[in-house]
């Protein structure tokens, strides 16, 4: 037998270490070649490490959350070959490290709530313990009942048959109700019988209807993407003096135009508010170069970017990610809509490339259907501004002395006060407001 040491390869992102997010194997597992071993997180993405050899896992580098240096031992695998192998540092026999591939995030599987059953779909269940069905012949020799385990000893007692549908049983289990205690007229337990028991017959140990079940405390280790988010947000608030400005925008005409565009879109993607807002941002930014910038704290240099590389804050199962729309200023609304969909899908599936998750010069964050009246978004450091549209709501406003219905949206912007003055931020938002309230200007040269 020989031992093969699999060392963490250089993923090619200029990093010095990576974090263990999770193991796919444990000590003693037999693995095949190309079988996933662990998920490793860099500053830019999560990658899946695969085994270059087949064998038995005999050593793991650490626990989830631990940092492993590039070139450091990740896994030791005992192979069927002879000799000591590379594991002692000779360098011979070490296979080339496999290419790191993005690890797709797992989709959450929603449990389907049991529906109401037909009255004929009644489950007849013998409530006696399973051991009763296989009880020994009483004429055969049996151990002294006093020496039987308590559970098996109790199973000798015959319990009544309970008639209830699967939906009623599931509800009773959730409420902590013993169905054998519920009394009915004909012996069949229905939801109404369960309601009556909870209302009038609930004794000690049962919770009344309407109360929430008590959940046990849970300790969750902050690792992986969640730790990266925590570190970045803490650094942003610690180093950047934020200020937030909010303005109300009448998007009645914009929403009407969006409806017309969608009605005639053909095979192009459906437009949301975001592509139209991005066009407005890109048209306004040339007059406010201090907004589309990055600030290097250590060098004391602010770089004002000519191109708009727009970060799109995207919620995923692993946490918040920011894929980047490159050269947003050169794309029309339909191209922007397609790119938003593509990048969001790539981020949520874990297939976004590292270059698609870095290099933004300005970030746009939206809560989508959750909306909100106003937000105070945290800047994506080292950028100097972040913009957040809020929910569009319809409410009465006064126009030309008359009360009319209007669709209104609040637009929030948070800025780095070391680089952006309040006047600049307010003027920039007012420029966006003019474009959105007169949407024909979005398509004018």
Protein backbone atom coordinates (compact mmCIF):
# COMPACT_ATOMS: atom_id res chain seq x y z
CA UNK A 1 0.00 0.00 0.00
CA UNK A 2 1.15 3.56 -0.68
CA UNK A 3 -0.01 6.92 0.54
CA UNK A 4 -0.83 9.72 -1.88
CA UNK A 5 -0.96 13.30 -0.57
CA UNK A 6 -3.36 15.52 -2.47
CA UNK A 7 -2.23 19.12 -2.07
CA UNK A 8 -4.46 22.16 -2.63
CA UNK A 9 -3.68 23.37 -6.18
CA UNK A 10 -3.16 26.94 -7.34
CA UNK A 11 -6.59 27.77 -8.71
CA UNK A 12 -5.14 30.58 -10.78
CA UNK A 13 -6.77 33.54 -9.04
CA UNK A 14 -3.67 34.88 -7.33
CA UNK A 15 -4.80 33.62 -3.92
CA UNK A 16 -2.61 32.25 -1.13
CA UNK A 17 -5.21 30.16 0.71
CA UNK A 18 -8.76 28.83 0.52
CA UNK A 19 -11.39 27.94 3.09
CA UNK A 20 -12.88 24.49 3.60
CA UNK A 21 -16.63 24.92 3.11
CA UNK A 22 -17.60 21.25 3.39
CA UNK A 23 -16.32 17.70 2.98
CA UNK A 24 -17.81 15.15 0.60
CA UNK A 25 -15.82 12.33 2.26
CA UNK A 26 -14.80 11.21 5.75
CA UNK A 27 -11.99 9.11 7.20
CA UNK A 28 -12.19 5.52 6.01
CA UNK A 29 -14.22 6.27 2.88
CA UNK A 30 -13.20 4.47 -0.30
CA UNK A 31 -13.03 6.99 -3.15
CA UNK A 32 -12.70 6.59 -6.89
CA UNK A 33 -10.76 8.75 -9.31
CA UNK A 34 -12.46 12.10 -10.03
CA UNK A 35 -14.79 11.69 -7.04
CA UNK A 36 -15.53 15.00 -5.24
CA UNK A 37 -13.54 15.42 -2.03
CA UNK A 38 -14.29 18.90 -0.70
CA UNK A 39 -15.75 22.31 -1.53
CA UNK A 40 -13.19 25.10 -1.17
CA UNK A 41 -14.00 28.81 -1.12
CA UNK A 42 -11.74 31.53 -2.43
CA UNK A 43 -12.36 35.27 -2.36
CA UNK A 44 -14.31 34.96 -5.60
CA UNK A 45 -16.03 31.58 -5.88
CA UNK A 46 -16.59 28.12 -4.44
CA UNK A 47 -14.75 25.33 -6.23
CA UNK A 48 -15.06 21.56 -5.97
CA UNK A 49 -11.88 19.54 -5.51
CA UNK A 50 -11.82 16.07 -7.07
CA UNK A 51 -9.63 13.09 -6.23
CA UNK A 52 -6.87 12.34 -8.76
CA UNK A 53 -6.52 8.75 -7.52
CA UNK A 54 -8.61 5.89 -6.15
CA UNK A 55 -8.11 4.57 -2.64
CA UNK A 56 -9.06 4.98 1.02
CA UNK A 57 -9.15 8.32 2.82
CA UNK A 58 -6.78 8.17 5.81
CA UNK A 59 -6.28 11.84 6.66
CA UNK A 60 -8.19 15.12 6.22
CA UNK A 61 -6.71 18.61 6.55
CA UNK A 62 -9.25 20.15 8.91
CA UNK A 63 -12.83 21.08 9.65
CA UNK A 64 -15.21 23.32 7.66
CA UNK A 65 -14.14 26.91 8.22
CA UNK A 66 -10.40 26.13 8.37
CA UNK A 67 -8.05 27.89 5.94
CA UNK A 68 -5.67 25.79 3.83
CA UNK A 69 -2.62 27.34 2.14
CA UNK A 70 -2.02 26.76 -1.56
CA UNK A 71 0.23 23.70 -1.80
CA UNK A 72 -0.78 22.51 1.67
CA UNK A 73 -2.04 19.01 2.37
CA UNK A 74 -5.77 18.63 1.81
CA UNK A 75 -6.34 14.86 1.80
CA UNK A 76 -4.14 11.78 2.22
CA UNK A 77 -5.36 8.72 0.29
CA UNK A 78 -4.03 5.20 0.73
CA UNK A 79 -3.74 3.62 -2.71
CA UNK A 80 -3.12 0.06 -3.85
CA UNK A 81 0.37 0.87 -5.13
CA UNK A 82 3.60 -0.14 -3.41
CA UNK A 83 6.11 2.08 -1.68
CA UNK A 84 5.93 5.13 0.51
CA UNK A 85 4.60 7.39 -2.27
CA UNK A 86 4.71 11.15 -2.50
CA UNK A 87 3.17 11.73 0.90
CA UNK A 88 6.56 12.10 2.60
CA UNK A 89 7.52 15.06 0.43
CA UNK A 90 9.68 13.43 -2.24
CA UNK A 91 7.48 14.80 -4.99
CA UNK A 92 7.43 11.53 -6.98
CA UNK A 93 4.13 10.01 -7.88
CA UNK A 94 2.11 13.15 -7.18
CA UNK A 95 -0.52 13.44 -9.87
CA UNK A 96 -1.30 16.77 -11.45
CA UNK A 97 -3.94 18.53 -9.45
CA UNK A 98 -7.34 18.34 -11.11
CA UNK A 99 -8.86 21.46 -12.50
CA UNK A 100 -11.08 23.18 -10.02
CA UNK A 101 -14.65 23.45 -11.20
CA UNK A 102 -17.37 25.61 -9.74
CA UNK A 103 -19.55 23.71 -7.35
CA UNK A 104 -23.22 24.26 -8.05
CA UNK A 105 -25.26 25.11 -5.02
CA UNK A 106 -27.92 22.63 -4.03
CA UNK A 107 -31.51 23.64 -4.65
CA UNK A 108 -33.68 23.66 -1.54
CA UNK A 109 -36.40 20.98 -1.76
CA UNK A 110 -39.70 22.27 -0.46
CA UNK A 111 -41.76 19.73 1.45
CA UNK A 112 -45.33 19.51 0.20
CA UNK A 113 -47.93 19.95 2.91
CA UNK A 114 -50.33 17.01 3.10
CA UNK A 115 -53.66 18.00 1.68
CA UNK A 116 -57.14 17.20 2.97
CA UNK A 117 -58.12 13.60 2.21
CA UNK A 118 -61.42 12.30 0.82
CA UNK A 119 -63.65 10.74 3.44
CA UNK A 120 -63.16 7.36 1.75
CA UNK A 121 -59.39 7.76 1.98
CA UNK A 122 -59.26 6.78 5.62
CA UNK A 123 -56.20 5.03 6.90
CA UNK A 124 -56.94 2.09 9.19
CA UNK A 125 -53.97 1.67 11.45
CA UNK A 126 -53.42 -0.91 14.14
CA UNK A 127 -51.84 1.14 16.90
CA UNK A 128 -50.18 -1.85 18.48
CA UNK A 129 -46.39 -1.81 18.35
CA UNK A 130 -44.71 -3.49 15.36
CA UNK A 131 -43.37 -6.23 17.65
CA UNK A 132 -46.97 -7.41 18.25
CA UNK A 133 -47.33 -8.57 14.65
CA UNK A 134 -44.35 -10.84 15.04
CA UNK A 135 -45.06 -12.06 18.57
CA UNK A 136 -43.87 -15.56 19.44
CA UNK A 137 -46.20 -18.52 19.85
CA UNK A 138 -47.17 -18.59 23.54
CA UNK A 139 -46.60 -22.35 23.60
CA UNK A 140 -42.90 -21.84 22.82
CA UNK A 141 -40.26 -21.11 25.42
CA UNK A 142 -39.91 -17.37 26.03
CA UNK A 143 -37.67 -15.37 28.33
CA UNK A 144 -38.99 -14.13 31.64
CA UNK A 145 -41.03 -10.96 30.77
CA UNK A 146 -39.34 -9.19 33.63
CA UNK A 147 -36.08 -9.30 31.68
CA UNK A 148 -37.54 -7.91 28.46
CA UNK A 149 -36.60 -4.33 27.45
CA UNK A 150 -39.18 -1.84 28.62
CA UNK A 151 -40.35 -0.95 25.08
CA UNK A 152 -40.84 -4.57 24.10
CA UNK A 153 -42.56 -5.33 27.39
CA UNK A 154 -45.06 -2.51 26.88
CA UNK A 155 -45.82 -3.68 23.35
CA UNK A 156 -47.69 -6.67 24.72
CA UNK A 157 -50.54 -4.33 25.64
CA UNK A 158 -53.17 -4.16 22.90
CA UNK A 159 -54.13 -0.60 21.96
CA UNK A 160 -57.34 0.40 20.16
CA UNK A 161 -57.43 0.94 16.39
CA UNK A 162 -57.47 4.67 15.48
CA UNK A 163 -59.38 5.80 12.41
CA UNK A 164 -57.94 9.04 10.97
CA UNK A 165 -56.83 10.37 7.61
CA UNK A 166 -53.12 11.01 6.93
CA UNK A 167 -53.76 14.77 7.04
CA UNK A 168 -55.33 14.54 10.50
CA UNK A 169 -52.46 12.35 11.73
CA UNK A 170 -49.87 14.79 10.40
CA UNK A 171 -51.63 17.73 12.07
CA UNK A 172 -51.96 15.87 15.36
CA UNK A 173 -48.26 14.99 15.30
CA UNK A 174 -47.35 18.63 14.69
CA UNK A 175 -49.58 19.71 17.60
CA UNK A 176 -48.27 17.00 19.91
CA UNK A 177 -51.70 15.41 20.38
CA UNK A 178 -52.16 11.72 21.19
CA UNK A 179 -55.05 10.67 18.94
CA UNK A 180 -56.01 7.91 21.35
CA UNK A 181 -57.18 10.65 23.73
CA UNK A 182 -59.55 12.26 21.19
CA UNK A 183 -63.17 11.12 21.49
CA UNK A 184 -65.59 11.03 18.53
CA UNK A 185 -69.18 9.89 17.92
CA UNK A 186 -68.45 7.16 15.34
CA UNK A 187 -64.79 6.43 16.17
CA UNK A 188 -63.38 8.25 13.13
CA UNK A 189 -61.28 11.32 14.01
CA UNK A 190 -61.77 14.35 11.78
CA UNK A 191 -60.27 17.84 11.84
CA UNK A 192 -63.37 19.12 13.65
CA UNK A 193 -62.83 16.55 16.40
CA UNK A 194 -59.21 17.63 16.71
CA UNK A 195 -60.32 21.28 16.94
CA UNK A 196 -62.83 20.44 19.68
CA UNK A 197 -60.20 18.54 21.64
CA UNK A 198 -57.76 21.45 21.43
CA UNK A 199 -60.45 23.92 22.47
CA UNK A 200 -62.11 22.01 25.31
CA UNK A 201 -60.09 18.95 26.14
CA UNK A 202 -56.45 20.01 25.97
CA UNK A 203 -54.72 18.86 29.10
CA UNK A 204 -51.26 19.45 30.49
CA UNK A 205 -48.56 18.89 27.92
CA UNK A 206 -50.56 20.05 24.87
CA UNK A 207 -50.23 23.50 23.37
CA UNK A 208 -53.36 25.45 22.58
CA UNK A 209 -54.33 26.16 18.98
CA UNK A 210 -52.63 29.23 17.55
CA UNK A 211 -49.43 28.91 19.56
CA UNK A 212 -46.14 28.26 17.80
CA UNK A 213 -44.07 25.19 18.50
CA UNK A 214 -40.94 25.76 20.60
CA UNK A 215 -37.73 25.24 18.67
CA UNK A 216 -34.45 24.17 20.17
CA UNK A 217 -31.49 26.57 20.13
CA UNK A 218 -29.18 26.02 17.19
CA UNK A 219 -25.50 26.97 16.96
CA UNK A 220 -24.51 27.72 13.35
CA UNK A 221 -20.84 28.07 12.50
CA UNK A 222 -20.19 31.15 10.33
CA UNK A 223 -18.12 29.78 7.47
CA UNK A 224 -17.90 29.89 3.70
CA UNK A 225 -19.91 32.51 1.86
CA UNK A 226 -21.61 33.72 5.03
CA UNK A 227 -18.22 34.46 6.63
CA UNK A 228 -17.05 36.31 3.50
CA UNK A 229 -20.19 38.43 3.56
CA UNK A 230 -19.75 39.16 7.27
CA UNK A 231 -16.12 40.19 6.82
CA UNK A 232 -16.83 42.39 3.78
CA UNK A 233 -19.81 44.14 5.36
CA UNK A 234 -17.95 44.75 8.62
CA UNK A 235 -14.95 46.17 6.71
CA UNK A 236 -17.23 48.40 4.65
CA UNK A 237 -18.99 49.89 7.68
CA UNK A 238 -15.74 50.15 9.62
CA UNK A 239 -13.77 51.98 6.93
CA UNK A 240 -16.42 53.91 4.98
CA UNK A 241 -18.39 56.86 6.40
CA UNK A 242 -21.77 56.11 4.80
CA UNK A 243 -24.58 58.52 4.08
CA UNK A 244 -27.87 57.68 2.37
CA UNK A 245 -30.11 59.88 0.24
CA UNK A 246 -33.66 58.86 -0.78
CA UNK A 247 -35.84 60.47 -3.44
CA UNK A 248 -39.39 59.76 -4.61
CA UNK A 249 -39.85 59.24 -8.35
CA UNK A 250 -43.09 59.18 -10.34
CA UNK A 251 -42.78 56.17 -12.64
CA UNK A 252 -46.34 56.22 -14.00
CA UNK A 253 -45.26 56.98 -17.58
CA UNK A 254 -42.26 54.65 -17.29
CA UNK A 255 -44.48 51.74 -16.22
CA UNK A 256 -46.86 52.47 -19.10
CA UNK A 257 -43.96 52.43 -21.56
CA UNK A 258 -42.60 49.22 -20.01
CA UNK A 259 -46.00 47.60 -20.53
CA UNK A 260 -46.01 48.62 -24.19
CA UNK A 261 -42.48 47.29 -24.70
CA UNK A 262 -43.37 43.95 -23.12
CA UNK A 263 -46.53 43.66 -25.20
CA UNK A 264 -44.38 43.91 -28.35
CA UNK A 265 -41.23 42.13 -27.20
CA UNK A 266 -41.56 39.04 -29.41
CA UNK A 267 -39.10 36.37 -28.31
CA UNK A 268 -37.06 38.80 -26.21
CA UNK A 269 -37.06 38.57 -22.38
CA UNK A 270 -39.71 40.35 -20.36
CA UNK A 271 -38.55 43.74 -19.11
CA UNK A 272 -38.50 44.51 -15.41
CA UNK A 273 -37.78 47.94 -13.98
CA UNK A 274 -34.03 47.17 -13.62
CA UNK A 275 -32.91 47.36 -17.29
CA UNK A 276 -34.63 50.75 -17.66
CA UNK A 277 -33.03 51.99 -14.44
CA UNK A 278 -29.60 50.82 -15.63
CA UNK A 279 -30.00 52.78 -18.87
CA UNK A 280 -30.82 55.88 -16.79
CA UNK A 281 -27.77 55.31 -14.57
CA UNK A 282 -25.44 54.96 -17.52
CA UNK A 283 -26.82 58.14 -19.17
CA UNK A 284 -26.42 60.19 -15.97
CA UNK A 285 -22.99 58.93 -14.83
CA UNK A 286 -20.78 60.87 -17.33
CA UNK A 287 -21.76 64.09 -15.55
CA UNK A 288 -21.01 62.55 -12.12
CA UNK A 289 -17.71 60.66 -12.49
CA UNK A 290 -17.16 60.62 -8.71
CA UNK A 291 -20.04 58.10 -8.39
CA UNK A 292 -18.62 55.46 -10.77
CA UNK A 293 -15.35 55.10 -8.88
CA UNK A 294 -13.25 52.91 -6.57
CA UNK A 295 -11.24 54.17 -3.60
CA UNK A 296 -7.91 52.57 -2.65
CA UNK A 297 -7.63 53.40 1.06
CA UNK A 298 -3.98 52.42 1.44
CA UNK A 299 -2.73 54.23 -1.66
CA UNK A 300 -5.06 57.19 -1.13
CA UNK A 301 -6.14 57.07 -4.78
CA UNK A 302 -9.65 57.37 -6.25
CA UNK A 303 -10.00 55.83 -9.72
CA UNK A 304 -12.88 57.28 -11.73
CA UNK A 305 -13.89 54.69 -14.29
CA UNK A 306 -15.04 55.53 -17.80
CA UNK A 307 -16.86 52.22 -18.38
CA UNK A 308 -19.76 51.14 -16.18
CA UNK A 309 -19.17 47.64 -14.81
CA UNK A 310 -22.37 47.27 -12.84
CA UNK A 311 -22.59 44.85 -9.94
CA UNK A 312 -25.98 43.18 -9.41
CA UNK A 313 -26.52 42.13 -5.78
CA UNK A 314 -28.11 38.66 -6.09
CA UNK A 315 -29.51 36.52 -3.29
CA UNK A 316 -28.52 32.84 -3.51
CA UNK A 317 -28.84 29.82 -1.25
CA UNK A 318 -25.22 30.35 -0.20
CA UNK A 319 -25.69 34.06 0.53
CA UNK A 320 -25.40 37.38 -1.28
CA UNK A 321 -23.30 37.39 -4.46
CA UNK A 322 -22.54 40.26 -6.85
CA UNK A 323 -22.17 39.19 -10.51
CA UNK A 324 -21.06 42.01 -12.83
CA UNK A 325 -22.57 43.34 -16.06
CA UNK A 326 -19.53 44.41 -18.09
CA UNK A 327 -19.75 47.64 -20.10
CA UNK A 328 -23.38 48.22 -19.19
CA UNK A 329 -23.26 51.58 -20.98
CA UNK A 330 -22.95 49.79 -24.35
CA UNK A 331 -26.04 47.57 -23.95
CA UNK A 332 -29.67 48.31 -24.80
CA UNK A 333 -32.59 47.40 -22.52
CA UNK A 334 -33.15 43.97 -24.10
CA UNK A 335 -29.46 43.05 -23.86
CA UNK A 336 -29.41 44.22 -20.24
CA UNK A 337 -32.49 42.13 -19.44
CA UNK A 338 -30.88 39.01 -20.95
CA UNK A 339 -27.60 39.60 -19.09
CA UNK A 340 -29.39 40.12 -15.78
CA UNK A 341 -31.17 36.78 -16.18
CA UNK A 342 -28.00 34.96 -17.26
CA UNK A 343 -25.84 36.26 -14.43
CA UNK A 344 -28.51 35.70 -11.77
CA UNK A 345 -28.98 32.08 -12.90
CA UNK A 346 -25.22 31.50 -12.94
CA UNK A 347 -24.81 32.91 -9.44
CA UNK A 348 -27.71 30.91 -7.97
CA UNK A 349 -26.54 27.65 -9.58
CA UNK A 350 -22.92 28.18 -8.49
CA UNK A 351 -21.70 28.30 -12.10
CA UNK A 352 -20.64 31.96 -12.18
CA UNK A 353 -17.00 32.36 -13.23
CA UNK A 354 -14.56 34.24 -11.01
CA UNK A 355 -14.23 37.06 -13.54
CA UNK A 356 -18.02 37.47 -13.48
CA UNK A 357 -17.93 38.06 -9.73
CA UNK A 358 -15.30 40.81 -9.52
CA UNK A 359 -14.33 44.18 -10.95
CA UNK A 360 -17.58 46.11 -10.46
CA UNK A 361 -17.38 49.91 -10.36
CA UNK A 362 -20.90 50.56 -9.05
CA UNK A 363 -23.49 48.22 -7.51
CA UNK A 364 -27.26 48.05 -7.88
CA UNK A 365 -29.25 46.24 -5.20
CA UNK A 366 -32.98 45.51 -5.33
CA UNK A 367 -35.27 43.52 -3.04
CA UNK A 368 -37.46 42.70 -6.03
CA UNK A 369 -40.97 41.58 -5.03
CA UNK A 370 -40.20 42.23 -1.34
CA UNK A 371 -39.95 45.91 -2.16
CA UNK A 372 -39.71 48.19 0.84
CA UNK A 373 -40.38 51.88 1.31
CA UNK A 374 -36.73 52.87 1.62
CA UNK A 375 -33.37 51.14 2.14
CA UNK A 376 -29.94 52.16 3.42
CA UNK A 377 -27.72 49.75 1.45
CA UNK A 378 -24.12 49.03 2.49
CA UNK A 379 -21.45 49.99 -0.05
CA UNK A 380 -19.63 47.19 -1.85
CA UNK A 381 -16.07 48.20 -0.91
CA UNK A 382 -13.86 49.52 -2.58
CA UNK A 383 -16.65 51.13 -4.60
CA UNK A 384 -17.94 54.49 -3.37
CA UNK A 385 -21.69 54.18 -4.05
CA UNK A 386 -24.55 51.70 -4.17
CA UNK A 387 -28.06 52.30 -5.54
CA UNK A 388 -31.27 50.63 -4.37
CA UNK A 389 -34.68 50.98 -6.05
CA UNK A 390 -37.66 50.28 -3.79
CA UNK A 391 -41.20 49.06 -4.30
CA UNK A 392 -43.47 50.75 -6.86
CA UNK A 393 -46.77 51.65 -5.19
CA UNK A 394 -49.86 53.41 -6.50
CA UNK A 395 -51.29 56.20 -4.40
CA UNK A 396 -53.10 59.52 -4.87
CA UNK A 397 -51.09 62.64 -5.64
CA UNK A 398 -52.04 66.22 -6.49
CA UNK A 399 -51.29 67.31 -10.07
CA UNK A 400 -52.45 70.67 -11.43
CA UNK A 401 -54.79 71.04 -8.48
CA UNK A 402 -56.45 67.65 -9.00
CA UNK A 403 -56.10 64.37 -7.15
CA UNK A 404 -54.93 61.63 -9.51
CA UNK A 405 -53.49 58.12 -9.13
CA UNK A 406 -49.74 57.83 -9.65
CA UNK A 407 -47.18 55.03 -9.48
CA UNK A 408 -44.36 56.10 -7.19
CA UNK A 409 -41.00 54.56 -6.34
CA UNK A 410 -38.38 55.63 -3.83
CA UNK A 411 -34.77 55.44 -5.01
CA UNK A 412 -32.02 55.11 -2.37
CA UNK A 413 -28.31 55.77 -2.79
CA UNK A 414 -25.58 55.24 -0.20
CA UNK A 415 -22.24 56.99 -0.79
CA UNK A 416 -18.74 57.15 0.66
CA UNK A 417 -18.60 60.64 2.17
CA UNK A 418 -14.82 60.73 1.77
CA UNK A 419 -15.29 60.78 -2.00
CA UNK A 420 -18.87 61.85 -2.71
CA UNK A 421 -20.48 64.99 -1.29
CA UNK A 422 -24.15 65.13 -0.42
CA UNK A 423 -24.78 67.69 -3.17
CA UNK A 424 -23.25 65.36 -5.77
CA UNK A 425 -25.34 62.40 -4.65
CA UNK A 426 -28.58 64.41 -4.64
CA UNK A 427 -27.81 65.95 -8.05
CA UNK A 428 -27.06 62.52 -9.51
CA UNK A 429 -30.38 61.10 -8.27
CA UNK A 430 -32.24 64.13 -9.61
CA UNK A 431 -30.69 63.49 -13.03
CA UNK A 432 -31.91 59.88 -12.85
CA UNK A 433 -35.33 61.11 -11.75
CA UNK A 434 -35.64 63.36 -14.81
CA UNK A 435 -34.85 60.46 -17.14
CA UNK A 436 -37.27 58.05 -15.45
CA UNK A 437 -40.13 60.56 -15.24
CA UNK A 438 -39.65 61.43 -18.93
CA UNK A 439 -38.88 57.92 -20.23
CA UNK A 440 -38.61 58.94 -23.89
CA UNK A 441 -35.25 60.48 -22.92
CA UNK A 442 -33.91 57.00 -22.18
CA UNK A 443 -33.91 56.29 -25.92
CA UNK A 444 -32.79 59.72 -27.09
CA UNK A 445 -29.18 60.34 -28.13
